[in-house]
Amino acid sequence: MSDEVIKFAMSPSDWISLQKHERVVSKETSDHQPGVVYVNGFKSVMDGQKVTALRQWAVNKNVDFLVYDHYGHGQSSGEFKDATVGRWYHDLCLVLEQQTQGPQILVGCSMGFWLALLVILRAQRSLKRRITGLLGIAPALNFTESLMIDMTETQLEFEGGAGMYRRQSAYSETGFYDIPINLLIEGKHHCVVPPYEVGVPVRLIHGLQDSEVAYTETLALLKDLQSEHVDVLLVKDGDHRLSREEDLEKIVFLLDNLLVQVGAHIAEDEPVIWRDNPLQRWDSQGANPSPIIRKRGSL
């Protein structure tokens, strides 16, 4: 994948910065292989560890791969204080429509899962029918509502008057994020309620030590996502970022697994051949591997 950053113009003054890996087409190239679009989380950019690992996976697998910076993030235009969930969702739709072709798997990290799910649930039919699989990494569905609940009345009165909610976070260099109150209020318009009619294979991974989003929210998704193929992988010692080498291996395994199933489905429901589950080797303590919870048969 080239390190070249492409500026995708959204308007005369706004752009989204993105990077692409385009597969090499040959006689052996499958027509049934989807591309992968990575949707970053809140305050995350396209040079992160998960992106780097999945970018290399795409090169090795000869799979189309695209990643971009949200508006007000990284190398994209705009100021974070002006960002909204609606803007981020709209940008994702435009990136998919104008920068990708054919079937796509969406990989949504944290807030990125919410945006990816919005595409499947609310985008125009011509776009959402191209989404053939979904991988969620520490999904943060409706996260603006959770932040509003976290705010005390005192914070809302004083910080809300300044237009910002100063929220503590272990992932910020300053120890906190200044979150625009307008972003939280606008986010209400994009909150979704179950059941979620996705109709595509889904893989979810969540760390039990996640202090930002409780893993129980992902367990609830297992029930609420309307698909026959939903798997949840829980990482006993994993945090919200899931960026350790052993976490990245698990994410790559799930994406590999999803690619096989989606490719078979595109090829008119050919039988899916699941490869052996390598999760056992990730358990450094010699105990049972991280649990996979499934809606259907085992690997």
Protein backbone atom coordinates (compact mmCIF):
# COMPACT_ATOMS: atom_id res chain seq x y z
CA MET A 1 0.00 0.00 0.00
CA SER A 2 1.33 3.36 -0.98
CA ASP A 3 2.03 5.90 1.74
CA GLU A 4 0.64 8.55 -0.60
CA VAL A 5 -2.11 10.58 1.00
CA ILE A 6 -4.97 11.42 -1.37
CA LYS A 7 -7.01 14.56 -0.75
CA PHE A 8 -10.62 13.76 -1.67
CA ALA A 9 -12.43 17.08 -2.15
CA MET A 10 -15.81 17.29 -0.41
CA SER A 11 -16.28 20.97 -1.29
CA PRO A 12 -14.03 23.82 -2.49
CA SER A 13 -12.75 24.28 1.07
CA ASP A 14 -13.09 20.80 2.63
CA TRP A 15 -11.36 17.52 1.94
CA ILE A 16 -10.95 14.06 3.38
CA SER A 17 -7.43 12.64 3.45
CA LEU A 18 -7.26 8.94 2.63
CA GLN A 19 -4.90 6.14 1.67
CA LYS A 20 -5.59 3.20 -0.62
CA HIS A 21 -4.15 -0.17 -1.46
CA GLU A 22 -5.51 -1.47 -4.77
CA ARG A 23 -5.17 -5.17 -5.43
CA VAL A 24 -3.20 -6.51 -8.40
CA VAL A 25 -5.64 -7.97 -10.91
CA SER A 26 -4.60 -11.19 -12.66
CA LYS A 27 -6.15 -14.36 -14.06
CA GLU A 28 -6.05 -15.82 -10.55
CA THR A 29 -7.81 -12.83 -8.98
CA SER A 30 -11.25 -13.72 -7.65
CA ASP A 31 -14.18 -11.65 -8.88
CA HIS A 32 -15.92 -12.45 -5.59
CA GLN A 33 -13.42 -10.81 -3.26
CA PRO A 34 -14.69 -7.66 -1.53
CA GLY A 35 -12.61 -4.66 -0.58
CA VAL A 36 -12.13 -3.46 2.99
CA VAL A 37 -12.80 0.05 4.31
CA TYR A 38 -11.49 0.92 7.77
CA VAL A 39 -13.55 3.46 9.73
CA ASN A 40 -11.55 5.03 12.53
CA GLY A 41 -12.80 5.76 16.01
CA PHE A 42 -13.16 9.01 17.91
CA LYS A 43 -9.91 11.02 17.95
CA SER A 44 -8.10 8.29 15.98
CA VAL A 45 -6.22 8.77 12.71
CA MET A 46 -5.07 6.62 9.82
CA ASP A 47 -1.49 6.00 11.01
CA GLY A 48 -2.52 3.94 14.05
CA GLN A 49 -1.30 0.44 14.91
CA LYS A 50 -4.51 -1.34 13.89
CA VAL A 51 -4.54 0.43 10.54
CA THR A 52 -0.89 -0.47 9.95
CA ALA A 53 -1.56 -4.15 10.71
CA LEU A 54 -4.65 -4.34 8.50
CA ARG A 55 -2.94 -2.44 5.70
CA GLN A 56 -0.16 -5.04 5.66
CA TRP A 57 -2.77 -7.80 5.78
CA ALA A 58 -4.44 -6.28 2.70
CA VAL A 59 -1.13 -6.19 0.82
CA ASN A 60 -0.40 -9.82 1.71
CA LYS A 61 -3.92 -10.93 0.79
CA ASN A 62 -4.10 -8.78 -2.35
CA VAL A 63 -7.27 -7.10 -1.11
CA ASP A 64 -8.43 -3.55 -1.83
CA PHE A 65 -8.07 -1.49 1.34
CA LEU A 66 -9.02 2.11 2.14
CA VAL A 67 -8.59 4.16 5.30
CA TYR A 68 -9.22 7.85 5.88
CA ASP A 69 -9.17 10.59 8.51
CA HIS A 70 -12.50 11.93 9.73
CA TYR A 71 -13.34 15.61 9.32
CA GLY A 72 -11.45 17.54 12.01
CA HIS A 73 -8.99 14.67 12.46
CA GLY A 74 -5.44 14.08 11.27
CA GLN A 75 -4.74 15.29 7.75
CA SER A 76 -8.34 16.00 6.80
CA SER A 77 -9.71 19.53 6.77
CA GLY A 78 -11.87 21.16 9.40
CA GLU A 79 -11.67 21.84 13.11
CA PHE A 80 -12.77 19.24 15.61
CA LYS A 81 -15.03 21.74 17.37
CA ASP A 82 -17.16 21.93 14.20
CA ALA A 83 -17.49 18.17 13.72
CA THR A 84 -20.73 16.24 14.10
CA VAL A 85 -21.77 12.60 13.86
CA GLY A 86 -23.93 13.54 10.88
CA ARG A 87 -20.95 15.04 9.07
CA TRP A 88 -18.83 11.95 9.74
CA TYR A 89 -21.60 9.65 8.51
CA HIS A 90 -22.15 11.75 5.38
CA ASP A 91 -18.41 11.72 4.65
CA LEU A 92 -18.25 7.93 5.00
CA CYS A 93 -21.10 7.54 2.50
CA LEU A 94 -19.32 9.80 -0.01
CA VAL A 95 -16.02 7.97 0.44
CA LEU A 96 -17.75 4.65 -0.21
CA GLU A 97 -19.70 5.96 -3.20
CA GLN A 98 -16.84 7.75 -4.94
CA GLN A 99 -13.67 6.02 -3.78
CA THR A 100 -14.68 2.32 -3.82
CA GLN A 101 -16.27 -0.08 -6.26
CA GLY A 102 -18.17 -3.31 -5.79
CA PRO A 103 -18.74 -5.20 -2.52
CA GLN A 104 -17.07 -3.91 0.64
CA ILE A 105 -16.43 -5.11 4.19
CA LEU A 106 -16.59 -2.30 6.75
CA VAL A 107 -14.22 -2.44 9.72
CA GLY A 108 -15.47 -0.03 12.37
CA CYS A 109 -13.37 0.74 15.42
CA SER A 110 -15.20 2.15 18.45
CA MET A 111 -17.25 5.09 17.09
CA GLY A 112 -16.40 3.85 13.60
CA PHE A 113 -18.67 0.85 14.16
CA TRP A 114 -21.60 3.21 14.79
CA LEU A 115 -20.89 5.04 11.52
CA ALA A 116 -20.55 1.75 9.64
CA LEU A 117 -23.83 0.48 11.06
CA LEU A 118 -25.54 3.72 10.02
CA VAL A 119 -24.50 3.03 6.43
CA ILE A 120 -26.10 -0.41 6.54
CA LEU A 121 -29.28 0.86 8.22
CA ARG A 122 -29.83 4.29 6.65
CA ALA A 123 -27.84 4.80 3.46
CA GLN A 124 -29.41 4.69 0.02
CA ARG A 125 -30.17 1.18 -1.15
CA SER A 126 -27.61 1.37 -3.98
CA LEU A 127 -24.88 1.90 -1.39
CA LYS A 128 -25.91 -0.30 1.51
CA ARG A 129 -26.47 -3.31 -0.78
CA ARG A 130 -22.72 -3.17 -1.51
CA ILE A 131 -21.85 -3.71 2.17
CA THR A 132 -21.32 -7.45 2.50
CA GLY A 133 -19.69 -7.79 5.93
CA LEU A 134 -19.05 -5.91 9.16
CA LEU A 135 -16.23 -6.16 11.72
CA GLY A 136 -16.59 -4.19 14.95
CA ILE A 137 -13.60 -3.49 17.21
CA ALA A 138 -14.71 -2.38 20.70
CA PRO A 139 -17.99 -1.05 19.24
CA ALA A 140 -19.18 2.27 20.69
CA LEU A 141 -22.74 2.45 19.43
CA ASN A 142 -24.61 5.69 20.24
CA PHE A 143 -21.55 6.85 22.17
CA THR A 144 -22.72 10.47 22.34
CA GLU A 145 -25.68 9.37 24.45
CA SER A 146 -23.35 7.57 26.84
CA LEU A 147 -21.26 10.72 27.21
CA MET A 148 -24.34 12.83 27.94
CA ILE A 149 -25.31 10.38 30.68
CA ASP A 150 -21.78 10.60 32.10
CA MET A 151 -22.02 14.36 32.47
CA THR A 152 -23.11 15.66 35.85
CA GLU A 153 -25.56 18.55 36.14
CA THR A 154 -22.69 20.77 37.28
CA GLN A 155 -20.59 19.88 34.25
CA LEU A 156 -23.51 20.50 31.92
CA GLU A 157 -24.21 23.89 33.49
CA PHE A 158 -20.65 25.24 33.54
CA GLU A 159 -18.85 23.38 30.79
CA GLY A 160 -21.93 23.37 28.57
CA GLY A 161 -21.96 27.15 28.73
CA ALA A 162 -18.45 27.12 27.32
CA GLY A 163 -19.54 24.74 24.59
CA MET A 164 -17.28 21.89 25.72
CA TYR A 165 -17.42 18.81 27.92
CA ARG A 166 -14.00 18.08 29.40
CA ARG A 167 -13.95 14.30 29.75
CA GLN A 168 -11.12 12.39 31.37
CA SER A 169 -9.45 9.79 29.17
CA ALA A 170 -6.40 7.60 29.60
CA TYR A 171 -5.85 7.77 25.84
CA SER A 172 -5.29 11.52 25.65
CA GLU A 173 -1.83 13.01 26.22
CA THR A 174 -3.44 15.75 28.32
CA GLY A 175 -5.51 13.28 30.33
CA PHE A 176 -8.81 14.56 28.94
CA TYR A 177 -10.72 15.32 25.74
CA ASP A 178 -12.59 18.56 25.13
CA ILE A 179 -15.79 17.36 23.45
CA PRO A 180 -18.12 19.92 21.83
CA ILE A 181 -21.54 19.93 23.48
CA ASN A 182 -23.03 20.47 20.03
CA LEU A 183 -21.54 17.16 18.90
CA LEU A 184 -23.32 15.38 21.76
CA ILE A 185 -26.64 17.09 21.07
CA GLU A 186 -26.47 16.53 17.30
CA GLY A 187 -25.58 12.89 17.86
CA LYS A 188 -29.10 12.23 19.14
CA HIS A 189 -30.38 12.42 15.56
CA HIS A 190 -28.21 9.47 14.58
CA CYS A 191 -28.78 7.13 17.51
CA VAL A 192 -30.18 3.76 16.51
CA VAL A 193 -32.45 1.39 18.40
CA PRO A 194 -32.61 -2.40 18.14
CA PRO A 195 -33.26 -4.63 16.40
CA TYR A 196 -30.61 -3.80 13.81
CA GLU A 197 -31.54 -5.28 10.43
CA VAL A 198 -28.05 -5.80 9.02
CA GLY A 199 -28.48 -9.03 7.05
CA VAL A 200 -24.71 -9.50 6.57
CA PRO A 201 -22.10 -11.56 8.45
CA VAL A 202 -20.73 -9.73 11.50
CA ARG A 203 -17.65 -10.24 13.67
CA LEU A 204 -17.17 -8.34 16.94
CA ILE A 205 -14.16 -8.19 19.28
CA HIS A 206 -14.05 -6.54 22.71
CA GLY A 207 -11.66 -6.44 25.65
CA LEU A 208 -12.98 -7.31 29.10
CA GLN A 209 -10.72 -4.61 30.58
CA ASP A 210 -12.19 -1.87 28.38
CA SER A 211 -12.72 1.18 30.62
CA GLU A 212 -14.34 3.27 27.86
CA VAL A 213 -17.09 0.96 26.60
CA ALA A 214 -18.33 -2.00 28.64
CA TYR A 215 -17.99 -5.36 26.91
CA THR A 216 -21.58 -6.11 27.95
CA GLU A 217 -22.69 -3.64 25.27
CA THR A 218 -21.13 -5.88 22.65
CA LEU A 219 -22.83 -8.92 24.17
CA ALA A 220 -26.13 -7.06 23.77
CA LEU A 221 -25.28 -6.52 20.10
CA LEU A 222 -25.04 -10.28 19.66
CA LYS A 223 -28.77 -10.44 20.37
CA ASP A 224 -29.79 -7.20 18.68
CA LEU A 225 -28.03 -7.63 15.32
CA GLN A 226 -30.43 -9.33 12.92
CA SER A 227 -28.09 -11.67 11.07
CA GLU A 228 -27.66 -15.43 11.11
CA HIS A 229 -23.89 -15.03 11.28
CA VAL A 230 -22.71 -12.99 14.27
CA ASP A 231 -19.62 -13.96 16.28
CA VAL A 232 -18.21 -12.20 19.34
CA LEU A 233 -14.61 -12.65 20.49
CA LEU A 234 -13.87 -11.52 24.06
CA VAL A 235 -10.28 -10.75 25.06
CA LYS A 236 -9.84 -11.34 28.79
CA ASP A 237 -6.98 -8.86 29.29
CA GLY A 238 -7.82 -6.56 26.39
CA ASP A 239 -8.42 -2.82 26.77
CA HIS A 240 -10.36 -0.41 24.55
CA ARG A 241 -7.66 0.08 21.96
CA LEU A 242 -6.83 -3.62 21.36
CA SER A 243 -3.53 -2.59 19.77
CA ARG A 244 -1.10 -5.11 21.28
CA GLU A 245 0.46 -7.61 18.91
CA GLU A 246 -1.72 -10.42 20.26
CA ASP A 247 -4.82 -8.24 19.85
CA LEU A 248 -3.89 -7.40 16.27
CA GLU A 249 -3.48 -11.10 15.49
CA LYS A 250 -7.01 -11.74 16.71
CA ILE A 251 -8.41 -8.88 14.64
CA VAL A 252 -6.63 -10.15 11.53
CA PHE A 253 -7.95 -13.65 12.19
CA LEU A 254 -11.52 -12.38 12.40
CA LEU A 255 -11.15 -10.35 9.21
CA ASP A 256 -9.63 -13.34 7.42
CA ASN A 257 -12.54 -15.43 8.64
CA LEU A 258 -15.08 -12.84 7.50
CA LEU A 259 -13.45 -12.47 4.08
CA VAL A 260 -13.80 -16.20 3.44
CA GLN A 261 -17.48 -16.24 4.33
CA VAL A 262 -18.35 -13.06 2.45
CA GLY A 263 -16.45 -14.18 -0.65
CA ALA A 264 -18.32 -17.48 -0.63
CA HIS A 265 -21.65 -15.70 -0.20
CA ILE A 266 -20.94 -13.39 -3.14
CA ALA A 267 -20.15 -16.49 -5.21
CA GLU A 268 -23.82 -17.52 -4.90
CA ASP A 269 -23.64 -19.14 -1.48
CA GLU A 270 -20.87 -21.62 -2.17
CA PRO A 271 -20.01 -23.74 0.91
CA VAL A 272 -17.80 -21.94 3.41
CA ILE A 273 -14.66 -23.80 4.47
CA TRP A 274 -13.56 -22.51 7.87
CA ARG A 275 -9.87 -22.75 8.65
CA ASP A 276 -8.64 -24.07 11.98
CA ASN A 277 -9.11 -21.70 14.88
CA PRO A 278 -5.62 -20.56 16.04
CA LEU A 279 -6.86 -18.78 19.15
CA GLN A 280 -5.36 -21.39 21.49
CA ARG A 281 -1.81 -20.23 20.75
CA TRP A 282 -2.63 -16.70 21.94
CA ASP A 283 -3.19 -17.81 25.52
CA SER A 284 0.14 -17.10 27.23
CA GLN A 285 -1.08 -18.57 30.53
CA GLY A 286 -1.79 -21.99 29.08
CA ALA A 287 -5.48 -21.77 30.00
CA ASN A 288 -8.47 -21.79 27.69
CA PRO A 289 -8.33 -19.42 24.71
CA SER A 290 -10.37 -16.24 24.49
CA PRO A 291 -14.03 -17.22 24.13
CA ILE A 292 -15.87 -16.90 20.86
CA ILE A 293 -19.62 -16.56 21.33
CA ARG A 294 -21.65 -17.50 18.28
CA LYS A 295 -25.20 -17.47 16.98
CA ARG A 296 -24.53 -20.61 14.97
CA GLY A 297 -22.20 -23.62 14.71
CA SER A 298 -18.61 -23.58 15.93
CA LEU A 299 -15.50 -23.09 13.82
